């Protein structure tokens, strides 16, 4: 069967008309109604083009509204031939399911064949998490006598207190801080905005940083950005990563640490403390609660470790 795993970027122009129409409308739906980024939209389209490439080599290639569960199961068997790991296969299946849900919502099909499609089994790798003491050790490792010391302390406290993504941190504006209410306005994936409550310690460290920050010659167009480098430009993701790794080494923490580790720690500590999972989902800006549920697994591991360490029968 002469089909291809990696569909060319311009292959939409080469597909049959029925597929072309359905995929084009799906693309518009993803961009306008789901507000997905260009990269996410492209990933979805490549998944559908893989399915179209597979069906094109069948004896009687079905149109998108004639796809049955047997076609989709054959597609998964075909993917297995490329030795893709279960995580990659699951992502592709998610894209296929989104496509058929879209067609169902728009009355292009009357039943969704992907509803019966089983996800490849994959064990989710739990992310690295810091303890509260380790967060304090990293903060204590910051040299406040340096010009960047207070900035870095405010930055770490904000990452941990608000569970921000690094992209959200570097784009955070002074006008996004609601001090009296104790909230940050965060612009997340797909330009979606959310209000995140932030602790008093983070707000205090930001207040202490602002005099130094306001003395910097902010580059035109970035006057409102909170975290700047010495040249008045916004910090890059790489720079934040470097700062975090250096502080972890200085604090002698032997874990693989990144800015995202503080986000995972934020969520894990909330769940361990009994926070409602829906509330954690809202604060993290997760589109689906399934993504947030990983922290319940982490909490279970935490409880199991406590039993194994301290129970006399373990």
C-alpha atoms as a PDB file:
ATOM      1  CA  UNK A   1       0.000   0.000   0.000  1.00  0.00           C
ATOM      2  CA  UNK A   2       1.732   3.157  -1.213  1.00  0.00           C
ATOM      3  CA  UNK A   3       0.712   5.611   1.464  1.00  0.00           C
ATOM      4  CA  UNK A   4       2.796   8.144   3.336  1.00  0.00           C
ATOM      5  CA  UNK A   5       3.048   8.926   7.022  1.00  0.00           C
ATOM      6  CA  UNK A   6       4.242  12.507   6.594  1.00  0.00           C
ATOM      7  CA  UNK A   7       1.897  14.407   4.321  1.00  0.00           C
ATOM      8  CA  UNK A   8       3.537  17.352   2.508  1.00  0.00           C
ATOM      9  CA  UNK A   9       2.546  20.788   3.775  1.00  0.00           C
ATOM     10  CA  UNK A  10       0.870  21.645   0.446  1.00  0.00           C
ATOM     11  CA  UNK A  11      -0.830  18.243   0.016  1.00  0.00           C
ATOM     12  CA  UNK A  12      -4.289  19.762   0.647  1.00  0.00           C
ATOM     13  CA  UNK A  13      -4.260  20.899  -2.967  1.00  0.00           C
ATOM     14  CA  UNK A  14      -3.832  17.291  -4.113  1.00  0.00           C
ATOM     15  CA  UNK A  15      -6.694  15.619  -2.239  1.00  0.00           C
ATOM     16  CA  UNK A  16     -10.079  14.774  -3.802  1.00  0.00           C
ATOM     17  CA  UNK A  17     -12.711  17.503  -3.762  1.00  0.00           C
ATOM     18  CA  UNK A  18     -14.858  16.006  -0.970  1.00  0.00           C
ATOM     19  CA  UNK A  19     -11.819  15.723   1.296  1.00  0.00           C
ATOM     20  CA  UNK A  20     -10.595  19.178   0.294  1.00  0.00           C
ATOM     21  CA  UNK A  21     -13.940  20.774   1.215  1.00  0.00           C
ATOM     22  CA  UNK A  22     -14.267  18.957   4.551  1.00  0.00           C
ATOM     23  CA  UNK A  23     -10.675  19.675   5.605  1.00  0.00           C
ATOM     24  CA  UNK A  24     -10.894  23.336   4.581  1.00  0.00           C
ATOM     25  CA  UNK A  25     -14.074  23.814   6.620  1.00  0.00           C
ATOM     26  CA  UNK A  26     -12.449  21.972   9.547  1.00  0.00           C
ATOM     27  CA  UNK A  27      -9.485  24.363   9.330  1.00  0.00           C
ATOM     28  CA  UNK A  28     -11.789  27.392   9.509  1.00  0.00           C
ATOM     29  CA  UNK A  29     -13.584  25.838  12.506  1.00  0.00           C
ATOM     30  CA  UNK A  30     -10.302  25.260  14.370  1.00  0.00           C
ATOM     31  CA  UNK A  31      -9.097  28.818  13.759  1.00  0.00           C
ATOM     32  CA  UNK A  32     -12.302  30.775  14.335  1.00  0.00           C
ATOM     33  CA  UNK A  33     -14.392  28.723  16.747  1.00  0.00           C
ATOM     34  CA  UNK A  34     -11.694  26.918  18.732  1.00  0.00           C
ATOM     35  CA  UNK A  35      -9.174  29.781  18.496  1.00  0.00           C
ATOM     36  CA  UNK A  36      -6.252  27.376  18.129  1.00  0.00           C
ATOM     37  CA  UNK A  37      -2.747  28.550  17.248  1.00  0.00           C
ATOM     38  CA  UNK A  38      -1.377  28.115  13.728  1.00  0.00           C
ATOM     39  CA  UNK A  39       0.858  25.248  14.902  1.00  0.00           C
ATOM     40  CA  UNK A  40      -2.065  23.413  16.529  1.00  0.00           C
ATOM     41  CA  UNK A  41      -4.231  23.849  13.436  1.00  0.00           C
ATOM     42  CA  UNK A  42      -1.434  22.494  11.239  1.00  0.00           C
ATOM     43  CA  UNK A  43      -0.991  19.467  13.522  1.00  0.00           C
ATOM     44  CA  UNK A  44      -4.719  18.654  13.283  1.00  0.00           C
ATOM     45  CA  UNK A  45      -4.696  18.993   9.501  1.00  0.00           C
ATOM     46  CA  UNK A  46      -1.661  16.721   9.167  1.00  0.00           C
ATOM     47  CA  UNK A  47      -3.514  14.058  11.170  1.00  0.00           C
ATOM     48  CA  UNK A  48      -6.486  14.223   8.802  1.00  0.00           C
ATOM     49  CA  UNK A  49      -4.201  14.158   5.766  1.00  0.00           C
ATOM     50  CA  UNK A  50      -2.602  10.972   7.130  1.00  0.00           C
ATOM     51  CA  UNK A  51      -6.063   9.392   7.274  1.00  0.00           C
ATOM     52  CA  UNK A  52      -6.850  10.598   3.750  1.00  0.00           C
ATOM     53  CA  UNK A  53      -3.526   9.237   2.487  1.00  0.00           C
ATOM     54  CA  UNK A  54      -4.352   5.850   4.015  1.00  0.00           C
ATOM     55  CA  UNK A  55      -7.888   5.687   2.564  1.00  0.00           C
ATOM     56  CA  UNK A  56      -6.690   6.788  -0.896  1.00  0.00           C
ATOM     57  CA  UNK A  57      -4.845   3.488  -1.306  1.00  0.00           C
ATOM     58  CA  UNK A  58      -7.879   1.336  -0.471  1.00  0.00           C
ATOM     59  CA  UNK A  59      -9.737  -0.520  -3.227  1.00  0.00           C
ATOM     60  CA  UNK A  60     -12.712   1.838  -2.999  1.00  0.00           C
ATOM     61  CA  UNK A  61     -11.476   5.042  -1.338  1.00  0.00           C
ATOM     62  CA  UNK A  62     -14.303   6.360   0.883  1.00  0.00           C
ATOM     63  CA  UNK A  63     -15.261   9.992   1.045  1.00  0.00           C
ATOM     64  CA  UNK A  64     -14.920  11.558   4.528  1.00  0.00           C
ATOM     65  CA  UNK A  65     -18.656  11.208   5.281  1.00  0.00           C
ATOM     66  CA  UNK A  66     -18.529   7.504   4.359  1.00  0.00           C
ATOM     67  CA  UNK A  67     -15.712   6.554   6.749  1.00  0.00           C
ATOM     68  CA  UNK A  68     -16.609   3.636   9.034  1.00  0.00           C
ATOM     69  CA  UNK A  69     -15.023   2.237  12.185  1.00  0.00           C
ATOM     70  CA  UNK A  70     -13.423  -0.534  10.100  1.00  0.00           C
ATOM     71  CA  UNK A  71     -11.535   2.103   8.102  1.00  0.00           C
ATOM     72  CA  UNK A  72     -10.319   3.776  11.300  1.00  0.00           C
ATOM     73  CA  UNK A  73      -9.169   0.480  12.824  1.00  0.00           C
ATOM     74  CA  UNK A  74      -7.286  -0.281   9.636  1.00  0.00           C
ATOM     75  CA  UNK A  75      -5.739   3.184   9.862  1.00  0.00           C
ATOM     76  CA  UNK A  76      -4.488   2.451  13.398  1.00  0.00           C
ATOM     77  CA  UNK A  77      -2.983  -0.857  12.256  1.00  0.00           C
ATOM     78  CA  UNK A  78      -1.244   1.053   9.481  1.00  0.00           C
ATOM     79  CA  UNK A  79       0.148   3.543  11.995  1.00  0.00           C
ATOM     80  CA  UNK A  80       1.482   0.635  14.057  1.00  0.00           C
ATOM     81  CA  UNK A  81       3.605  -0.340  11.084  1.00  0.00           C
ATOM     82  CA  UNK A  82       5.590   2.868  11.512  1.00  0.00           C
ATOM     83  CA  UNK A  83       6.463   1.931  15.118  1.00  0.00           C
ATOM     84  CA  UNK A  84       4.990   5.141  16.479  1.00  0.00           C
ATOM     85  CA  UNK A  85       4.881   5.261  20.268  1.00  0.00           C
ATOM     86  CA  UNK A  86       1.450   5.180  21.961  1.00  0.00           C
ATOM     87  CA  UNK A  87       1.633   8.875  22.887  1.00  0.00           C
ATOM     88  CA  UNK A  88       2.077   9.899  19.232  1.00  0.00           C
ATOM     89  CA  UNK A  89      -0.689   7.537  18.127  1.00  0.00           C
ATOM     90  CA  UNK A  90      -3.019   8.916  20.795  1.00  0.00           C
ATOM     91  CA  UNK A  91      -2.369  12.464  19.610  1.00  0.00           C
ATOM     92  CA  UNK A  92      -3.238  11.453  16.033  1.00  0.00           C
ATOM     93  CA  UNK A  93      -6.418   9.697  17.212  1.00  0.00           C
ATOM     94  CA  UNK A  94      -7.386  12.872  19.102  1.00  0.00           C
ATOM     95  CA  UNK A  95      -7.039  14.829  15.857  1.00  0.00           C
ATOM     96  CA  UNK A  96      -9.177  12.290  13.979  1.00  0.00           C
ATOM     97  CA  UNK A  97     -11.855  12.390  16.676  1.00  0.00           C
ATOM     98  CA  UNK A  98     -11.942  16.199  16.546  1.00  0.00           C
ATOM     99  CA  UNK A  99     -12.475  16.020  12.770  1.00  0.00           C
ATOM    100  CA  UNK A 100     -15.444  13.647  13.027  1.00  0.00           C
ATOM    101  CA  UNK A 101     -16.981  15.581  15.933  1.00  0.00           C
ATOM    102  CA  UNK A 102     -16.791  18.678  13.745  1.00  0.00           C
ATOM    103  CA  UNK A 103     -18.545  16.875  10.866  1.00  0.00           C
ATOM    104  CA  UNK A 104     -21.232  15.575  13.253  1.00  0.00           C
ATOM    105  CA  UNK A 105     -21.875  19.076  14.645  1.00  0.00           C
ATOM    106  CA  UNK A 106     -22.209  20.437  11.108  1.00  0.00           C
ATOM    107  CA  UNK A 107     -24.560  17.654   9.930  1.00  0.00           C
ATOM    108  CA  UNK A 108     -22.027  16.331   7.423  1.00  0.00           C
ATOM    109  CA  UNK A 109     -22.365  12.885   9.025  1.00  0.00           C
ATOM    110  CA  UNK A 110     -25.187  11.355  11.077  1.00  0.00           C
ATOM    111  CA  UNK A 111     -23.005   9.170  13.300  1.00  0.00           C
ATOM    112  CA  UNK A 112     -19.441   9.469  14.544  1.00  0.00           C
ATOM    113  CA  UNK A 113     -17.361   6.370  13.695  1.00  0.00           C
ATOM    114  CA  UNK A 114     -14.470   7.585  15.845  1.00  0.00           C
ATOM    115  CA  UNK A 115     -16.632   7.319  18.991  1.00  0.00           C
ATOM    116  CA  UNK A 116     -15.942   3.573  19.017  1.00  0.00           C
ATOM    117  CA  UNK A 117     -12.223   3.988  18.384  1.00  0.00           C
ATOM    118  CA  UNK A 118     -10.046   2.918  21.305  1.00  0.00           C
ATOM    119  CA  UNK A 119      -7.091   5.053  22.278  1.00  0.00           C
ATOM    120  CA  UNK A 120      -3.678   3.310  22.242  1.00  0.00           C
ATOM    121  CA  UNK A 121      -2.739   2.496  25.811  1.00  0.00           C
ATOM    122  CA  UNK A 122       0.059   4.674  27.099  1.00  0.00           C
ATOM    123  CA  UNK A 123       1.432   5.150  30.573  1.00  0.00           C
ATOM    124  CA  UNK A 124       1.644   8.841  31.259  1.00  0.00           C
ATOM    125  CA  UNK A 125       5.003   9.965  32.545  1.00  0.00           C
ATOM    126  CA  UNK A 126       4.527  12.038  35.647  1.00  0.00           C
ATOM    127  CA  UNK A 127       6.400  15.354  35.603  1.00  0.00           C
ATOM    128  CA  UNK A 128       9.098  16.294  38.081  1.00  0.00           C
ATOM    129  CA  UNK A 129       7.774  18.161  41.113  1.00  0.00           C
ATOM    130  CA  UNK A 130       9.473  20.255  43.779  1.00  0.00           C
ATOM    131  CA  UNK A 131       8.599  20.049  47.439  1.00  0.00           C
ATOM    132  CA  UNK A 132       7.730  23.263  49.292  1.00  0.00           C
ATOM    133  CA  UNK A 133      11.136  23.094  50.986  1.00  0.00           C
ATOM    134  CA  UNK A 134      12.882  22.782  47.620  1.00  0.00           C
ATOM    135  CA  UNK A 135      11.029  25.839  46.302  1.00  0.00           C
ATOM    136  CA  UNK A 136      12.229  27.746  49.380  1.00  0.00           C
ATOM    137  CA  UNK A 137      15.804  26.478  48.799  1.00  0.00           C
ATOM    138  CA  UNK A 138      15.753  27.833  45.235  1.00  0.00           C
ATOM    139  CA  UNK A 139      14.459  31.195  46.435  1.00  0.00           C
ATOM    140  CA  UNK A 140      17.132  31.286  49.150  1.00  0.00           C
ATOM    141  CA  UNK A 141      19.816  30.670  46.493  1.00  0.00           C
ATOM    142  CA  UNK A 142      19.040  33.999  44.792  1.00  0.00           C
ATOM    143  CA  UNK A 143      21.680  36.675  45.386  1.00  0.00           C
ATOM    144  CA  UNK A 144      19.641  39.799  46.159  1.00  0.00           C
ATOM    145  CA  UNK A 145      22.784  41.974  46.041  1.00  0.00           C
ATOM    146  CA  UNK A 146      22.895  41.659  42.235  1.00  0.00           C
ATOM    147  CA  UNK A 147      20.848  43.957  39.954  1.00  0.00           C
ATOM    148  CA  UNK A 148      18.788  40.963  38.744  1.00  0.00           C
ATOM    149  CA  UNK A 149      18.316  39.349  42.156  1.00  0.00           C
ATOM    150  CA  UNK A 150      14.962  40.865  43.109  1.00  0.00           C
ATOM    151  CA  UNK A 151      13.651  40.374  39.565  1.00  0.00           C
ATOM    152  CA  UNK A 152      14.510  36.677  39.696  1.00  0.00           C
ATOM    153  CA  UNK A 153      12.899  36.269  43.109  1.00  0.00           C
ATOM    154  CA  UNK A 154       9.702  37.946  41.924  1.00  0.00           C
ATOM    155  CA  UNK A 155       9.789  35.799  38.792  1.00  0.00           C
ATOM    156  CA  UNK A 156      10.130  32.488  40.691  1.00  0.00           C
ATOM    157  CA  UNK A 157       7.429  33.464  43.193  1.00  0.00           C
ATOM    158  CA  UNK A 158       5.095  34.361  40.307  1.00  0.00           C
ATOM    159  CA  UNK A 159       5.752  31.076  38.490  1.00  0.00           C
ATOM    160  CA  UNK A 160       5.050  29.059  41.623  1.00  0.00           C
ATOM    161  CA  UNK A 161       2.217  31.156  43.111  1.00  0.00           C
ATOM    162  CA  UNK A 162       0.235  31.389  39.883  1.00  0.00           C
ATOM    163  CA  UNK A 163       1.157  28.175  38.041  1.00  0.00           C
ATOM    164  CA  UNK A 164       2.090  30.136  34.919  1.00  0.00           C
ATOM    165  CA  UNK A 165       3.543  28.748  31.726  1.00  0.00           C
ATOM    166  CA  UNK A 166       6.900  30.325  30.856  1.00  0.00           C
ATOM    167  CA  UNK A 167       5.333  32.000  27.792  1.00  0.00           C
ATOM    168  CA  UNK A 168       2.697  33.539  30.056  1.00  0.00           C
ATOM    169  CA  UNK A 169       5.372  34.753  32.455  1.00  0.00           C
ATOM    170  CA  UNK A 170       7.523  36.533  29.859  1.00  0.00           C
ATOM    171  CA  UNK A 171       4.444  38.236  28.364  1.00  0.00           C
ATOM    172  CA  UNK A 172       2.981  39.306  31.718  1.00  0.00           C
ATOM    173  CA  UNK A 173       2.331  43.056  31.825  1.00  0.00           C
ATOM    174  CA  UNK A 174       2.314  45.463  34.749  1.00  0.00           C
ATOM    175  CA  UNK A 175      -1.270  46.351  33.820  1.00  0.00           C
ATOM    176  CA  UNK A 176      -2.205  42.663  34.195  1.00  0.00           C
ATOM    177  CA  UNK A 177      -1.570  42.839  37.960  1.00  0.00           C
ATOM    178  CA  UNK A 178      -4.631  43.545  40.111  1.00  0.00           C
ATOM    179  CA  UNK A 179      -2.900  44.104  43.444  1.00  0.00           C
ATOM    180  CA  UNK A 180      -5.891  44.944  45.636  1.00  0.00           C
ATOM    181  CA  UNK A 181      -7.910  41.989  44.325  1.00  0.00           C
ATOM    182  CA  UNK A 182      -4.920  39.596  44.394  1.00  0.00           C
ATOM    183  CA  UNK A 183      -5.300  38.459  40.779  1.00  0.00           C
ATOM    184  CA  UNK A 184      -3.222  38.291  37.608  1.00  0.00           C
ATOM    185  CA  UNK A 185      -4.796  38.511  34.164  1.00  0.00           C
ATOM    186  CA  UNK A 186      -3.064  35.806  32.127  1.00  0.00           C
ATOM    187  CA  UNK A 187      -3.123  35.468  28.348  1.00  0.00           C
ATOM    188  CA  UNK A 188      -2.654  31.771  27.615  1.00  0.00           C
ATOM    189  CA  UNK A 189      -2.783  29.445  24.628  1.00  0.00           C
ATOM    190  CA  UNK A 190      -4.934  30.622  21.740  1.00  0.00           C
ATOM    191  CA  UNK A 191      -4.938  34.157  23.227  1.00  0.00           C
ATOM    192  CA  UNK A 192      -7.465  32.975  25.819  1.00  0.00           C
ATOM    193  CA  UNK A 193      -7.474  35.072  28.971  1.00  0.00           C
ATOM    194  CA  UNK A 194      -8.066  33.942  32.536  1.00  0.00           C
ATOM    195  CA  UNK A 195      -7.856  35.465  35.998  1.00  0.00           C
ATOM    196  CA  UNK A 196      -5.485  33.656  38.354  1.00  0.00           C
ATOM    197  CA  UNK A 197      -5.362  34.348  42.098  1.00  0.00           C
ATOM    198  CA  UNK A 198      -1.802  34.946  43.249  1.00  0.00           C
ATOM    199  CA  UNK A 199      -0.339  34.804  46.748  1.00  0.00           C
ATOM    200  CA  UNK A 200       0.650  37.801  48.825  1.00  0.00           C
ATOM    201  CA  UNK A 201       4.314  36.725  48.769  1.00  0.00           C
ATOM    202  CA  UNK A 202       4.448  36.936  44.979  1.00  0.00           C
ATOM    203  CA  UNK A 203       2.722  40.329  45.008  1.00  0.00           C
ATOM    204  CA  UNK A 204       5.147  41.604  47.656  1.00  0.00           C
ATOM    205  CA  UNK A 205       8.196  40.455  45.674  1.00  0.00           C
ATOM    206  CA  UNK A 206       6.796  42.120  42.552  1.00  0.00           C
ATOM    207  CA  UNK A 207       6.318  45.371  44.503  1.00  0.00           C
ATOM    208  CA  UNK A 208       9.937  45.189  45.685  1.00  0.00           C
ATOM    209  CA  UNK A 209      11.100  44.596  42.094  1.00  0.00           C
ATOM    210  CA  UNK A 210       9.110  47.412  40.459  1.00  0.00           C
ATOM    211  CA  UNK A 211      11.457  50.299  41.496  1.00  0.00           C
ATOM    212  CA  UNK A 212      14.398  48.515  39.814  1.00  0.00           C
ATOM    213  CA  UNK A 213      12.232  47.583  36.855  1.00  0.00           C
ATOM    214  CA  UNK A 214      11.012  51.175  36.344  1.00  0.00           C
ATOM    215  CA  UNK A 215      14.611  52.444  36.176  1.00  0.00           C
ATOM    216  CA  UNK A 216      15.284  50.275  33.115  1.00  0.00           C
ATOM    217  CA  UNK A 217      15.090  51.873  29.664  1.00  0.00           C
ATOM    218  CA  UNK A 218      12.173  49.765  28.377  1.00  0.00           C
ATOM    219  CA  UNK A 219      12.390  49.217  24.626  1.00  0.00           C
ATOM    220  CA  UNK A 220       9.613  50.878  22.664  1.00  0.00           C
ATOM    221  CA  UNK A 221       6.584  48.626  22.476  1.00  0.00           C
ATOM    222  CA  UNK A 222       7.518  46.780  25.680  1.00  0.00           C
ATOM    223  CA  UNK A 223       6.951  49.561  28.212  1.00  0.00           C
ATOM    224  CA  UNK A 224       4.248  47.513  29.998  1.00  0.00           C
ATOM    225  CA  UNK A 225       6.137  44.178  30.163  1.00  0.00           C
ATOM    226  CA  UNK A 226       6.888  43.244  33.776  1.00  0.00           C
ATOM    227  CA  UNK A 227      10.067  41.163  33.553  1.00  0.00           C
ATOM    228  CA  UNK A 228      12.842  42.839  31.551  1.00  0.00           C
ATOM    229  CA  UNK A 229      16.521  42.162  30.988  1.00  0.00           C
ATOM    230  CA  UNK A 230      19.215  44.776  31.589  1.00  0.00           C
ATOM    231  CA  UNK A 231      18.701  46.236  28.100  1.00  0.00           C
ATOM    232  CA  UNK A 232      15.018  46.866  28.705  1.00  0.00           C
ATOM    233  CA  UNK A 233      13.819  43.966  26.532  1.00  0.00           C
ATOM    234  CA  UNK A 234      11.433  41.188  27.636  1.00  0.00           C
ATOM    235  CA  UNK A 235      13.091  38.077  29.025  1.00  0.00           C
ATOM    236  CA  UNK A 236      13.203  35.170  26.593  1.00  0.00           C
ATOM    237  CA  UNK A 237      11.982  31.665  27.411  1.00  0.00           C
ATOM    238  CA  UNK A 238      15.580  30.445  27.128  1.00  0.00           C
ATOM    239  CA  UNK A 239      16.792  33.047  29.610  1.00  0.00           C
ATOM    240  CA  UNK A 240      14.144  32.055  32.172  1.00  0.00           C
ATOM    241  CA  UNK A 241      15.090  28.401  31.670  1.00  0.00           C
ATOM    242  CA  UNK A 242      18.773  29.246  32.233  1.00  0.00           C
ATOM    243  CA  UNK A 243      18.045  31.235  35.397  1.00  0.00           C
ATOM    244  CA  UNK A 244      15.949  28.410  36.860  1.00  0.00           C
ATOM    245  CA  UNK A 245      18.528  25.729  36.076  1.00  0.00           C
ATOM    246  CA  UNK A 246      21.364  27.786  37.564  1.00  0.00           C
ATOM    247  CA  UNK A 247      19.398  28.424  40.763  1.00  0.00           C
ATOM    248  CA  UNK A 248      18.514  24.727  41.094  1.00  0.00           C
ATOM    249  CA  UNK A 249      22.210  23.818  40.768  1.00  0.00           C
ATOM    250  CA  UNK A 250      23.165  26.484  43.309  1.00  0.00           C
ATOM    251  CA  UNK A 251      20.546  25.090  45.712  1.00  0.00           C
ATOM    252  CA  UNK A 252      21.985  21.550  45.181  1.00  0.00           C
ATOM    253  CA  UNK A 253      18.656  20.141  43.974  1.00  0.00           C
ATOM    254  CA  UNK A 254      19.362  17.020  41.946  1.00  0.00           C
ATOM    255  CA  UNK A 255      16.259  17.042  39.782  1.00  0.00           C
ATOM    256  CA  UNK A 256      15.626  17.966  36.164  1.00  0.00           C
ATOM    257  CA  UNK A 257      14.243  21.446  36.721  1.00  0.00           C
ATOM    258  CA  UNK A 258      12.651  23.835  34.232  1.00  0.00           C
ATOM    259  CA  UNK A 259      10.267  26.791  34.566  1.00  0.00           C
ATOM    260  CA  UNK A 260       7.395  24.344  33.953  1.00  0.00           C
ATOM    261  CA  UNK A 261       8.418  22.455  37.118  1.00  0.00           C
ATOM    262  CA  UNK A 262       6.993  25.308  39.194  1.00  0.00           C
ATOM    263  CA  UNK A 263       3.677  24.995  37.323  1.00  0.00           C
ATOM    264  CA  UNK A 264       3.561  21.256  38.062  1.00  0.00           C
ATOM    265  CA  UNK A 265       4.502  21.912  41.694  1.00  0.00           C
ATOM    266  CA  UNK A 266       1.791  24.577  41.996  1.00  0.00           C
ATOM    267  CA  UNK A 267      -0.899  22.164  40.757  1.00  0.00           C
ATOM    268  CA  UNK A 268       0.373  19.170  42.747  1.00  0.00           C
ATOM    269  CA  UNK A 269       0.519  21.082  46.010  1.00  0.00           C
ATOM    270  CA  UNK A 270      -3.027  22.367  45.452  1.00  0.00           C
ATOM    271  CA  UNK A 271      -4.383  18.858  44.803  1.00  0.00           C
ATOM    272  CA  UNK A 272      -2.476  17.443  47.770  1.00  0.00           C
ATOM    273  CA  UNK A 273      -4.012  20.166  49.901  1.00  0.00           C
ATOM    274  CA  UNK A 274      -7.534  19.180  48.829  1.00  0.00           C
ATOM    275  CA  UNK A 275      -8.259  21.788  46.126  1.00  0.00           C
ATOM    276  CA  UNK A 276     -11.156  21.067  43.754  1.00  0.00           C
ATOM    277  CA  UNK A 277      -9.888  19.699  40.446  1.00  0.00           C
ATOM    278  CA  UNK A 278     -12.160  22.017  38.446  1.00  0.00           C
ATOM    279  CA  UNK A 279     -10.675  25.011  40.237  1.00  0.00           C
ATOM    280  CA  UNK A 280      -7.149  23.794  39.458  1.00  0.00           C
ATOM    281  CA  UNK A 281      -8.180  23.322  35.817  1.00  0.00           C
ATOM    282  CA  UNK A 282      -9.387  26.938  35.640  1.00  0.00           C
ATOM    283  CA  UNK A 283      -6.225  28.311  37.240  1.00  0.00           C
ATOM    284  CA  UNK A 284      -3.954  26.326  34.900  1.00  0.00           C
ATOM    285  CA  UNK A 285      -5.991  27.259  31.829  1.00  0.00           C
ATOM    286  CA  UNK A 286      -6.458  23.639  30.737  1.00  0.00           C
ATOM    287  CA  UNK A 287      -9.073  23.227  28.012  1.00  0.00           C
ATOM    288  CA  UNK A 288      -9.913  19.718  29.225  1.00  0.00           C
ATOM    289  CA  UNK A 289     -10.032  18.431  32.783  1.00  0.00           C
ATOM    290  CA  UNK A 290      -8.440  15.203  31.500  1.00  0.00           C
ATOM    291  CA  UNK A 291      -5.151  17.125  31.301  1.00  0.00           C
ATOM    292  CA  UNK A 292      -5.545  18.269  34.902  1.00  0.00           C
ATOM    293  CA  UNK A 293      -6.303  14.742  36.140  1.00  0.00           C
ATOM    294  CA  UNK A 294      -2.628  13.815  35.916  1.00  0.00           C
ATOM    295  CA  UNK A 295      -2.201  15.633  39.232  1.00  0.00           C
ATOM    296  CA  UNK A 296      -4.619  13.231  40.922  1.00  0.00           C
ATOM    297  CA  UNK A 297      -2.293  10.399  39.838  1.00  0.00           C
ATOM    298  CA  UNK A 298       0.632  12.304  41.305  1.00  0.00           C
ATOM    299  CA  UNK A 299      -1.289  12.709  44.550  1.00  0.00           C
ATOM    300  CA  UNK A 300      -1.930   8.937  44.619  1.00  0.00           C
ATOM    301  CA  UNK A 301       1.786   8.285  44.195  1.00  0.00           C
ATOM    302  CA  UNK A 302       2.483  10.724  47.025  1.00  0.00           C
ATOM    303  CA  UNK A 303       0.071   8.869  49.316  1.00  0.00           C
ATOM    304  CA  UNK A 304       1.518   5.480  48.324  1.00  0.00           C
ATOM    305  CA  UNK A 305       5.025   6.714  49.058  1.00  0.00           C
ATOM    306  CA  UNK A 306       3.911   7.976  52.480  1.00  0.00           C
ATOM    307  CA  UNK A 307       2.375   4.582  53.335  1.00  0.00           C
ATOM    308  CA  UNK A 308       5.470   2.699  52.164  1.00  0.00           C
ATOM    309  CA  UNK A 309       7.735   4.985  54.164  1.00  0.00           C
ATOM    310  CA  UNK A 310       5.851   5.217  57.433  1.00  0.00           C
ATOM    311  CA  UNK A 311       3.329   2.399  57.828  1.00  0.00           C
ATOM    312  CA  UNK A 312       4.656  -0.463  60.039  1.00  0.00           C
ATOM    313  CA  UNK A 313       3.181  -3.161  57.753  1.00  0.00           C
ATOM    314  CA  UNK A 314       4.764  -1.800  54.555  1.00  0.00           C
END
